[in-house]
Amino acid sequence: MKCALISPIVFSIFIHSTLAQTVDSYSTAQAHSHNDSRQLRPFIEAYDQQFGSIETDVFLKNGTLYAVNHEVDANADRTLAKLYLQPISQQLEKNNGMIYVQNDVYLQLVFDLITPASETMPLLVKELEKFKNLTEPDCTVKIVITGQIPAPELFDKYPDYIKFEGSPDINYTPEQLERVALIGQSLQKYTGWNGEGPLPKNDKKSISKVIQKAHELGKKIRFRDAPDNINTWKTMMALQVDYLDTGKVIQMGDYLRTAPR
């Protein structure tokens, strides 16, 4: 059964929310630690920089969830609970329910499912339920699923505290769109730009179009597989990309705090 298209009336409402999605000024609240589980100190480095979004790989092996990309790396020191769920829950307890000391700063915790959703999601939900302060409606940690994402028609099969990364290529029903936390796409779909010099004009138009589409839907957007350097970060900010992907956590943190705009 095909998904229903968003009606013109609903779509017009989304257009009026566009201004709320634009970024007035960038800070580490707009920084996204991509492949964070591959950092020297997973979670800690991005948390110390007060990143607004952190993404970890999730791999299911023999009934246990690991924060790894490859099965060979799965060991007792790399479980999802040990590297992410436990320290995050502890910070919430320490800060009276807030992930950061500032009461208006949130953390988007993105789980990149490496193993199939049909097998991984039930175990992930069960694991999250062990950390009740992570699943409360007013929690300042927002959980998002990417990677092996369940089909949109299955979104409502999971608890409301779980959201999903959407694609600009999918026409979601209004109900499905409510479960989409943000829009994500590979930058390489639109450009072969290497991050040096200006973004080619035609590529810029294509990228701007998909950003506009996400914002018209009332959603934030991020691009995977982008060059990871200052020139790219500046370019993405100029384009009003909501989350800046990086594997250079400390460097981006320093840049966003100190660089002139």
C-alpha atoms as a PDB file:
ATOM      1  CA  MET A   1       0.000   0.000   0.000  1.00  0.00           C
ATOM      2  CA  LYS A   2       1.466   3.347  -1.032  1.00  0.00           C
ATOM      3  CA  CYS A   3       2.048   6.157   1.470  1.00  0.00           C
ATOM      4  CA  ALA A   4      -0.355   9.080   1.115  1.00  0.00           C
ATOM      5  CA  LEU A   5       1.146  12.353  -0.012  1.00  0.00           C
ATOM      6  CA  ILE A   6       1.075  15.324   2.349  1.00  0.00           C
ATOM      7  CA  SER A   7      -1.962  17.473   1.583  1.00  0.00           C
ATOM      8  CA  PRO A   8      -1.566  21.047   0.282  1.00  0.00           C
ATOM      9  CA  ILE A   9      -3.115  22.404   3.498  1.00  0.00           C
ATOM     10  CA  VAL A  10      -0.709  20.521   5.742  1.00  0.00           C
ATOM     11  CA  PHE A  11       2.166  21.436   3.441  1.00  0.00           C
ATOM     12  CA  SER A  12       1.317  25.134   3.689  1.00  0.00           C
ATOM     13  CA  ILE A  13       1.394  24.886   7.467  1.00  0.00           C
ATOM     14  CA  PHE A  14       4.871  23.381   7.235  1.00  0.00           C
ATOM     15  CA  ILE A  15       6.015  26.254   5.003  1.00  0.00           C
ATOM     16  CA  HIS A  16       5.075  28.767   7.687  1.00  0.00           C
ATOM     17  CA  SER A  17       7.341  26.894  10.125  1.00  0.00           C
ATOM     18  CA  THR A  18      10.385  27.382   7.892  1.00  0.00           C
ATOM     19  CA  LEU A  19      11.702  30.406   9.720  1.00  0.00           C
ATOM     20  CA  ALA A  20      11.795  28.444  12.950  1.00  0.00           C
ATOM     21  CA  GLN A  21      14.223  26.008  11.345  1.00  0.00           C
ATOM     22  CA  THR A  22      16.867  28.491  10.235  1.00  0.00           C
ATOM     23  CA  VAL A  23      19.985  28.911  12.367  1.00  0.00           C
ATOM     24  CA  ASP A  24      20.663  32.467  13.550  1.00  0.00           C
ATOM     25  CA  SER A  25      24.144  31.698  14.848  1.00  0.00           C
ATOM     26  CA  TYR A  26      26.162  28.513  15.132  1.00  0.00           C
ATOM     27  CA  SER A  27      27.631  26.984  18.255  1.00  0.00           C
ATOM     28  CA  THR A  28      28.528  23.456  19.276  1.00  0.00           C
ATOM     29  CA  ALA A  29      24.770  22.935  19.735  1.00  0.00           C
ATOM     30  CA  GLN A  30      24.714  22.554  15.929  1.00  0.00           C
ATOM     31  CA  ALA A  31      27.713  20.191  15.856  1.00  0.00           C
ATOM     32  CA  HIS A  32      27.153  16.511  15.069  1.00  0.00           C
ATOM     33  CA  SER A  33      29.801  13.948  16.041  1.00  0.00           C
ATOM     34  CA  HIS A  34      29.532  11.469  13.184  1.00  0.00           C
ATOM     35  CA  ASN A  35      30.893   7.962  13.875  1.00  0.00           C
ATOM     36  CA  ASP A  36      31.437   9.049  17.463  1.00  0.00           C
ATOM     37  CA  SER A  37      32.037   5.459  18.595  1.00  0.00           C
ATOM     38  CA  ARG A  38      35.266   5.561  16.595  1.00  0.00           C
ATOM     39  CA  GLN A  39      36.632   8.485  18.632  1.00  0.00           C
ATOM     40  CA  LEU A  40      39.465   7.876  21.094  1.00  0.00           C
ATOM     41  CA  ARG A  41      37.020   8.596  23.910  1.00  0.00           C
ATOM     42  CA  PRO A  42      33.507   7.819  22.635  1.00  0.00           C
ATOM     43  CA  PHE A  43      30.793  10.159  23.964  1.00  0.00           C
ATOM     44  CA  ILE A  44      33.190  11.954  26.332  1.00  0.00           C
ATOM     45  CA  GLU A  45      35.013  14.035  23.733  1.00  0.00           C
ATOM     46  CA  ALA A  46      31.844  15.313  22.060  1.00  0.00           C
ATOM     47  CA  TYR A  47      30.100  15.792  25.404  1.00  0.00           C
ATOM     48  CA  ASP A  48      32.994  17.847  26.753  1.00  0.00           C
ATOM     49  CA  GLN A  49      32.651  20.048  23.659  1.00  0.00           C
ATOM     50  CA  GLN A  50      28.882  20.309  24.372  1.00  0.00           C
ATOM     51  CA  PHE A  51      27.895  18.951  20.980  1.00  0.00           C
ATOM     52  CA  GLY A  52      24.184  19.057  20.245  1.00  0.00           C
ATOM     53  CA  SER A  53      24.219  15.763  18.345  1.00  0.00           C
ATOM     54  CA  ILE A  54      26.211  12.551  18.816  1.00  0.00           C
ATOM     55  CA  GLU A  55      25.976   9.466  16.607  1.00  0.00           C
ATOM     56  CA  THR A  56      27.166   5.973  17.454  1.00  0.00           C
ATOM     57  CA  ASP A  57      27.210   2.748  15.466  1.00  0.00           C
ATOM     58  CA  VAL A  58      25.030  -0.025  16.914  1.00  0.00           C
ATOM     59  CA  PHE A  59      25.858  -3.654  16.149  1.00  0.00           C
ATOM     60  CA  LEU A  60      23.887  -6.619  17.462  1.00  0.00           C
ATOM     61  CA  LYS A  61      25.864  -9.762  18.259  1.00  0.00           C
ATOM     62  CA  ASN A  62      24.645 -12.749  20.267  1.00  0.00           C
ATOM     63  CA  GLY A  63      21.929 -10.762  22.013  1.00  0.00           C
ATOM     64  CA  THR A  64      24.162  -7.850  23.024  1.00  0.00           C
ATOM     65  CA  LEU A  65      24.353  -4.366  21.492  1.00  0.00           C
ATOM     66  CA  TYR A  66      27.806  -2.998  20.809  1.00  0.00           C
ATOM     67  CA  ALA A  67      28.903   0.499  19.791  1.00  0.00           C
ATOM     68  CA  VAL A  68      31.005  -0.788  16.911  1.00  0.00           C
ATOM     69  CA  ASN A  69      30.869  -0.874  13.125  1.00  0.00           C
ATOM     70  CA  HIS A  70      32.391  -4.334  12.655  1.00  0.00           C
ATOM     71  CA  GLU A  71      31.709  -7.600  14.459  1.00  0.00           C
ATOM     72  CA  VAL A  72      35.406  -8.187  15.084  1.00  0.00           C
ATOM     73  CA  ASP A  73      35.506  -5.112  17.345  1.00  0.00           C
ATOM     74  CA  ALA A  74      32.669  -6.268  19.603  1.00  0.00           C
ATOM     75  CA  ASN A  75      33.932  -6.876  23.127  1.00  0.00           C
ATOM     76  CA  ALA A  76      32.908  -6.234  26.731  1.00  0.00           C
ATOM     77  CA  ASP A  77      34.487  -2.764  26.724  1.00  0.00           C
ATOM     78  CA  ARG A  78      32.502  -1.669  23.664  1.00  0.00           C
ATOM     79  CA  THR A  79      28.905  -2.330  24.634  1.00  0.00           C
ATOM     80  CA  LEU A  80      26.356   0.366  23.874  1.00  0.00           C
ATOM     81  CA  ALA A  81      25.391   0.514  27.523  1.00  0.00           C
ATOM     82  CA  LYS A  82      28.934   1.013  28.776  1.00  0.00           C
ATOM     83  CA  LEU A  83      30.020   3.627  26.240  1.00  0.00           C
ATOM     84  CA  TYR A  84      26.780   5.626  25.927  1.00  0.00           C
ATOM     85  CA  LEU A  85      23.685   4.679  27.891  1.00  0.00           C
ATOM     86  CA  GLN A  86      25.305   4.473  31.325  1.00  0.00           C
ATOM     87  CA  PRO A  87      27.368   7.696  31.143  1.00  0.00           C
ATOM     88  CA  ILE A  88      24.467   9.628  29.600  1.00  0.00           C
ATOM     89  CA  SER A  89      22.066   8.396  32.293  1.00  0.00           C
ATOM     90  CA  GLN A  90      24.615   9.388  34.933  1.00  0.00           C
ATOM     91  CA  GLN A  91      24.879  12.910  33.527  1.00  0.00           C
ATOM     92  CA  LEU A  92      21.106  13.252  33.612  1.00  0.00           C
ATOM     93  CA  GLU A  93      21.117  12.258  37.271  1.00  0.00           C
ATOM     94  CA  LYS A  94      24.000  14.602  38.050  1.00  0.00           C
ATOM     95  CA  ASN A  95      22.337  17.582  36.377  1.00  0.00           C
ATOM     96  CA  ASN A  96      18.850  17.047  37.801  1.00  0.00           C
ATOM     97  CA  GLY A  97      17.425  15.664  34.580  1.00  0.00           C
ATOM     98  CA  MET A  98      19.368  17.920  32.207  1.00  0.00           C
ATOM     99  CA  ILE A  99      22.006  16.484  29.909  1.00  0.00           C
ATOM    100  CA  TYR A 100      24.049  19.678  30.104  1.00  0.00           C
ATOM    101  CA  VAL A 101      24.244  22.192  32.942  1.00  0.00           C
ATOM    102  CA  GLN A 102      22.382  24.731  30.794  1.00  0.00           C
ATOM    103  CA  ASN A 103      18.681  23.930  31.020  1.00  0.00           C
ATOM    104  CA  ASP A 104      17.952  24.900  27.417  1.00  0.00           C
ATOM    105  CA  VAL A 105      20.563  22.683  25.720  1.00  0.00           C
ATOM    106  CA  TYR A 106      19.508  19.316  24.322  1.00  0.00           C
ATOM    107  CA  LEU A 107      21.406  16.333  22.992  1.00  0.00           C
ATOM    108  CA  GLN A 108      20.324  14.440  19.905  1.00  0.00           C
ATOM    109  CA  LEU A 109      21.569  10.874  20.397  1.00  0.00           C
ATOM    110  CA  VAL A 110      21.642   9.111  17.029  1.00  0.00           C
ATOM    111  CA  PHE A 111      21.885   5.333  16.771  1.00  0.00           C
ATOM    112  CA  ASP A 112      23.257   4.187  13.406  1.00  0.00           C
ATOM    113  CA  LEU A 113      21.965   0.625  13.105  1.00  0.00           C
ATOM    114  CA  ILE A 114      24.553  -1.557  11.379  1.00  0.00           C
ATOM    115  CA  THR A 115      22.567  -4.761  11.821  1.00  0.00           C
ATOM    116  CA  PRO A 116      18.975  -5.149  10.524  1.00  0.00           C
ATOM    117  CA  ALA A 117      16.278  -3.118  12.279  1.00  0.00           C
ATOM    118  CA  SER A 118      13.979  -6.145  12.631  1.00  0.00           C
ATOM    119  CA  GLU A 119      16.560  -7.782  14.913  1.00  0.00           C
ATOM    120  CA  THR A 120      18.236  -4.746  16.452  1.00  0.00           C
ATOM    121  CA  MET A 121      15.301  -2.498  17.342  1.00  0.00           C
ATOM    122  CA  PRO A 122      13.582  -4.859  19.836  1.00  0.00           C
ATOM    123  CA  LEU A 123      16.851  -5.282  21.715  1.00  0.00           C
ATOM    124  CA  LEU A 124      17.529  -1.537  21.601  1.00  0.00           C
ATOM    125  CA  VAL A 125      14.108  -0.726  23.062  1.00  0.00           C
ATOM    126  CA  LYS A 126      14.639  -3.324  25.797  1.00  0.00           C
ATOM    127  CA  GLU A 127      18.065  -1.848  26.607  1.00  0.00           C
ATOM    128  CA  LEU A 128      16.768   1.716  26.702  1.00  0.00           C
ATOM    129  CA  GLU A 129      14.001   0.741  29.090  1.00  0.00           C
ATOM    130  CA  LYS A 130      16.689  -0.063  31.669  1.00  0.00           C
ATOM    131  CA  PHE A 131      17.535   3.630  31.754  1.00  0.00           C
ATOM    132  CA  LYS A 132      14.225   5.251  32.625  1.00  0.00           C
ATOM    133  CA  ASN A 133      15.544   8.804  32.666  1.00  0.00           C
ATOM    134  CA  LEU A 134      16.403   8.394  28.979  1.00  0.00           C
ATOM    135  CA  THR A 135      12.848   7.500  28.013  1.00  0.00           C
ATOM    136  CA  GLU A 136      10.842  10.126  29.906  1.00  0.00           C
ATOM    137  CA  PRO A 137       8.751  12.476  27.716  1.00  0.00           C
ATOM    138  CA  ASP A 138      10.588  15.588  28.915  1.00  0.00           C
ATOM    139  CA  CYS A 139      14.077  14.093  28.661  1.00  0.00           C
ATOM    140  CA  THR A 140      16.675  16.482  27.250  1.00  0.00           C
ATOM    141  CA  VAL A 141      18.197  13.602  25.295  1.00  0.00           C
ATOM    142  CA  LYS A 142      16.325  12.915  22.059  1.00  0.00           C
ATOM    143  CA  ILE A 143      16.794   9.452  20.549  1.00  0.00           C
ATOM    144  CA  VAL A 144      16.981   9.117  16.768  1.00  0.00           C
ATOM    145  CA  ILE A 145      17.459   6.037  14.582  1.00  0.00           C
ATOM    146  CA  THR A 146      19.435   6.053  11.334  1.00  0.00           C
ATOM    147  CA  GLY A 147      21.253   3.442   9.251  1.00  0.00           C
ATOM    148  CA  GLN A 148      19.071   0.323   8.944  1.00  0.00           C
ATOM    149  CA  ILE A 149      15.897   2.343   9.534  1.00  0.00           C
ATOM    150  CA  PRO A 150      12.545   0.522   9.792  1.00  0.00           C
ATOM    151  CA  ALA A 151      10.077   1.167   6.972  1.00  0.00           C
ATOM    152  CA  PRO A 152       7.997   4.318   7.603  1.00  0.00           C
ATOM    153  CA  GLU A 153       4.813   2.276   8.031  1.00  0.00           C
ATOM    154  CA  LEU A 154       6.483   0.591  11.021  1.00  0.00           C
ATOM    155  CA  PHE A 155       7.455   3.806  12.853  1.00  0.00           C
ATOM    156  CA  ASP A 156       4.402   3.656  15.102  1.00  0.00           C
ATOM    157  CA  LYS A 157       5.355   0.165  16.287  1.00  0.00           C
ATOM    158  CA  TYR A 158       8.048   1.681  18.485  1.00  0.00           C
ATOM    159  CA  PRO A 159       7.788   3.835  21.638  1.00  0.00           C
ATOM    160  CA  ASP A 160       7.063   7.526  21.127  1.00  0.00           C
ATOM    161  CA  TYR A 161      10.431   8.573  22.567  1.00  0.00           C
ATOM    162  CA  ILE A 162      12.134   7.019  19.530  1.00  0.00           C
ATOM    163  CA  LYS A 163      12.322   9.146  16.376  1.00  0.00           C
ATOM    164  CA  PHE A 164      13.870   8.445  12.991  1.00  0.00           C
ATOM    165  CA  GLU A 165      16.112  10.166  10.474  1.00  0.00           C
ATOM    166  CA  GLY A 166      14.124  10.784   7.320  1.00  0.00           C
ATOM    167  CA  SER A 167      15.071  10.994   3.669  1.00  0.00           C
ATOM    168  CA  PRO A 168      14.255  13.900   1.327  1.00  0.00           C
ATOM    169  CA  ASP A 169      13.347  11.283  -1.300  1.00  0.00           C
ATOM    170  CA  ILE A 170      10.420   9.796   0.659  1.00  0.00           C
ATOM    171  CA  ASN A 171       6.882  11.172   0.731  1.00  0.00           C
ATOM    172  CA  TYR A 172       5.806  10.586   4.344  1.00  0.00           C
ATOM    173  CA  THR A 173       2.251  10.642   5.603  1.00  0.00           C
ATOM    174  CA  PRO A 174       1.622  13.360   8.212  1.00  0.00           C
ATOM    175  CA  GLU A 175       1.614  10.690  10.920  1.00  0.00           C
ATOM    176  CA  GLN A 176       4.943   9.269   9.753  1.00  0.00           C
ATOM    177  CA  LEU A 177       6.437  12.738   9.471  1.00  0.00           C
ATOM    178  CA  GLU A 178       5.722  13.333  13.149  1.00  0.00           C
ATOM    179  CA  ARG A 179       8.152  10.515  13.934  1.00  0.00           C
ATOM    180  CA  VAL A 180      10.893  12.030  11.745  1.00  0.00           C
ATOM    181  CA  ALA A 181      13.376  13.990  13.862  1.00  0.00           C
ATOM    182  CA  LEU A 182      15.496  15.325  11.029  1.00  0.00           C
ATOM    183  CA  ILE A 183      16.299  14.827   7.361  1.00  0.00           C
ATOM    184  CA  GLY A 184      19.627  13.260   6.405  1.00  0.00           C
ATOM    185  CA  GLN A 185      21.324  12.630   3.104  1.00  0.00           C
ATOM    186  CA  SER A 186      24.786  11.961   1.697  1.00  0.00           C
ATOM    187  CA  LEU A 187      26.325  15.146   0.335  1.00  0.00           C
ATOM    188  CA  GLN A 188      27.923  13.026  -2.380  1.00  0.00           C
ATOM    189  CA  LYS A 189      24.508  12.562  -3.955  1.00  0.00           C
ATOM    190  CA  TYR A 190      24.640  16.203  -4.994  1.00  0.00           C
ATOM    191  CA  THR A 191      28.304  16.995  -5.507  1.00  0.00           C
ATOM    192  CA  GLY A 192      31.793  15.576  -5.959  1.00  0.00           C
ATOM    193  CA  TRP A 193      33.246  18.706  -4.326  1.00  0.00           C
ATOM    194  CA  ASN A 194      36.357  17.998  -2.241  1.00  0.00           C
ATOM    195  CA  GLY A 195      35.904  20.843   0.228  1.00  0.00           C
ATOM    196  CA  GLU A 196      38.542  23.063  -1.343  1.00  0.00           C
ATOM    197  CA  GLY A 197      37.535  26.394  -2.847  1.00  0.00           C
ATOM    198  CA  PRO A 198      33.932  27.371  -3.494  1.00  0.00           C
ATOM    199  CA  LEU A 199      31.120  24.880  -3.971  1.00  0.00           C
ATOM    200  CA  PRO A 200      30.269  24.598  -7.711  1.00  0.00           C
ATOM    201  CA  LYS A 201      27.299  26.801  -8.590  1.00  0.00           C
ATOM    202  CA  ASN A 202      25.026  24.061  -9.941  1.00  0.00           C
ATOM    203  CA  ASP A 203      25.822  21.790  -7.005  1.00  0.00           C
ATOM    204  CA  LYS A 204      25.023  24.622  -4.618  1.00  0.00           C
ATOM    205  CA  LYS A 205      21.614  25.027  -6.246  1.00  0.00           C
ATOM    206  CA  SER A 206      20.864  21.317  -5.853  1.00  0.00           C
ATOM    207  CA  ILE A 207      21.934  21.301  -2.208  1.00  0.00           C
ATOM    208  CA  SER A 208      20.024  24.496  -1.436  1.00  0.00           C
ATOM    209  CA  LYS A 209      16.899  22.941  -2.926  1.00  0.00           C
ATOM    210  CA  VAL A 210      16.990  19.905  -0.632  1.00  0.00           C
ATOM    211  CA  ILE A 211      17.718  22.114   2.396  1.00  0.00           C
ATOM    212  CA  GLN A 212      14.719  24.249   1.516  1.00  0.00           C
ATOM    213  CA  LYS A 213      12.560  21.154   1.158  1.00  0.00           C
ATOM    214  CA  ALA A 214      13.559  19.905   4.620  1.00  0.00           C
ATOM    215  CA  HIS A 215      12.872  23.289   6.178  1.00  0.00           C
ATOM    216  CA  GLU A 216       9.501  23.539   4.464  1.00  0.00           C
ATOM    217  CA  LEU A 217       8.632  20.248   6.148  1.00  0.00           C
ATOM    218  CA  GLY A 218       9.581  21.805   9.472  1.00  0.00           C
ATOM    219  CA  LYS A 219      12.634  19.552   9.830  1.00  0.00           C
ATOM    220  CA  LYS A 220      16.313  20.117  10.417  1.00  0.00           C
ATOM    221  CA  ILE A 221      18.853  18.646   8.012  1.00  0.00           C
ATOM    222  CA  ARG A 222      22.367  17.263   8.032  1.00  0.00           C
ATOM    223  CA  PHE A 223      24.616  15.876   5.319  1.00  0.00           C
ATOM    224  CA  ARG A 224      26.752  12.761   5.669  1.00  0.00           C
ATOM    225  CA  ASP A 225      29.946  12.067   3.733  1.00  0.00           C
ATOM    226  CA  ALA A 226      30.931  15.734   3.471  1.00  0.00           C
ATOM    227  CA  PRO A 227      34.555  16.893   3.377  1.00  0.00           C
ATOM    228  CA  ASP A 228      35.635  17.503   6.956  1.00  0.00           C
ATOM    229  CA  ASN A 229      37.454  20.825   7.010  1.00  0.00           C
ATOM    230  CA  ILE A 230      36.860  24.444   7.986  1.00  0.00           C
ATOM    231  CA  ASN A 231      35.990  25.549   4.471  1.00  0.00           C
ATOM    232  CA  THR A 232      33.251  22.911   4.295  1.00  0.00           C
ATOM    233  CA  TRP A 233      31.908  23.856   7.739  1.00  0.00           C
ATOM    234  CA  LYS A 234      31.731  27.498   6.667  1.00  0.00           C
ATOM    235  CA  THR A 235      30.007  26.521   3.428  1.00  0.00           C
ATOM    236  CA  MET A 236      27.425  24.417   5.238  1.00  0.00           C
ATOM    237  CA  MET A 237      26.717  27.252   7.664  1.00  0.00           C
ATOM    238  CA  ALA A 238      26.248  29.673   4.778  1.00  0.00           C
ATOM    239  CA  LEU A 239      23.714  27.226   3.316  1.00  0.00           C
ATOM    240  CA  GLN A 240      21.842  27.048   6.654  1.00  0.00           C
ATOM    241  CA  VAL A 241      22.530  23.354   7.250  1.00  0.00           C
ATOM    242  CA  ASP A 242      21.256  22.666  10.769  1.00  0.00           C
ATOM    243  CA  TYR A 243      23.787  20.072  11.934  1.00  0.00           C
ATOM    244  CA  LEU A 244      27.452  20.111  10.910  1.00  0.00           C
ATOM    245  CA  ASP A 245      28.825  16.575  10.553  1.00  0.00           C
ATOM    246  CA  THR A 246      32.382  16.021  11.718  1.00  0.00           C
ATOM    247  CA  GLY A 247      34.811  13.389  12.855  1.00  0.00           C
ATOM    248  CA  LYS A 248      37.116  16.154  14.125  1.00  0.00           C
ATOM    249  CA  VAL A 249      35.312  16.797  17.364  1.00  0.00           C
ATOM    250  CA  ILE A 250      37.857  18.913  19.195  1.00  0.00           C
ATOM    251  CA  GLN A 251      38.789  20.929  16.099  1.00  0.00           C
ATOM    252  CA  MET A 252      35.176  21.767  15.307  1.00  0.00           C
ATOM    253  CA  GLY A 253      34.501  22.633  18.936  1.00  0.00           C
ATOM    254  CA  ASP A 254      37.421  25.050  18.975  1.00  0.00           C
ATOM    255  CA  TYR A 255      36.390  26.556  15.651  1.00  0.00           C
ATOM    256  CA  LEU A 256      32.748  27.141  16.577  1.00  0.00           C
ATOM    257  CA  ARG A 257      33.716  28.805  19.841  1.00  0.00           C
ATOM    258  CA  THR A 258      36.468  31.068  18.553  1.00  0.00           C
ATOM    259  CA  ALA A 259      36.328  31.599  14.799  1.00  0.00           C
ATOM    260  CA  PRO A 260      35.095  34.965  13.475  1.00  0.00           C
ATOM    261  CA  ARG A 261      31.959  34.744  11.377  1.00  0.00           C
END
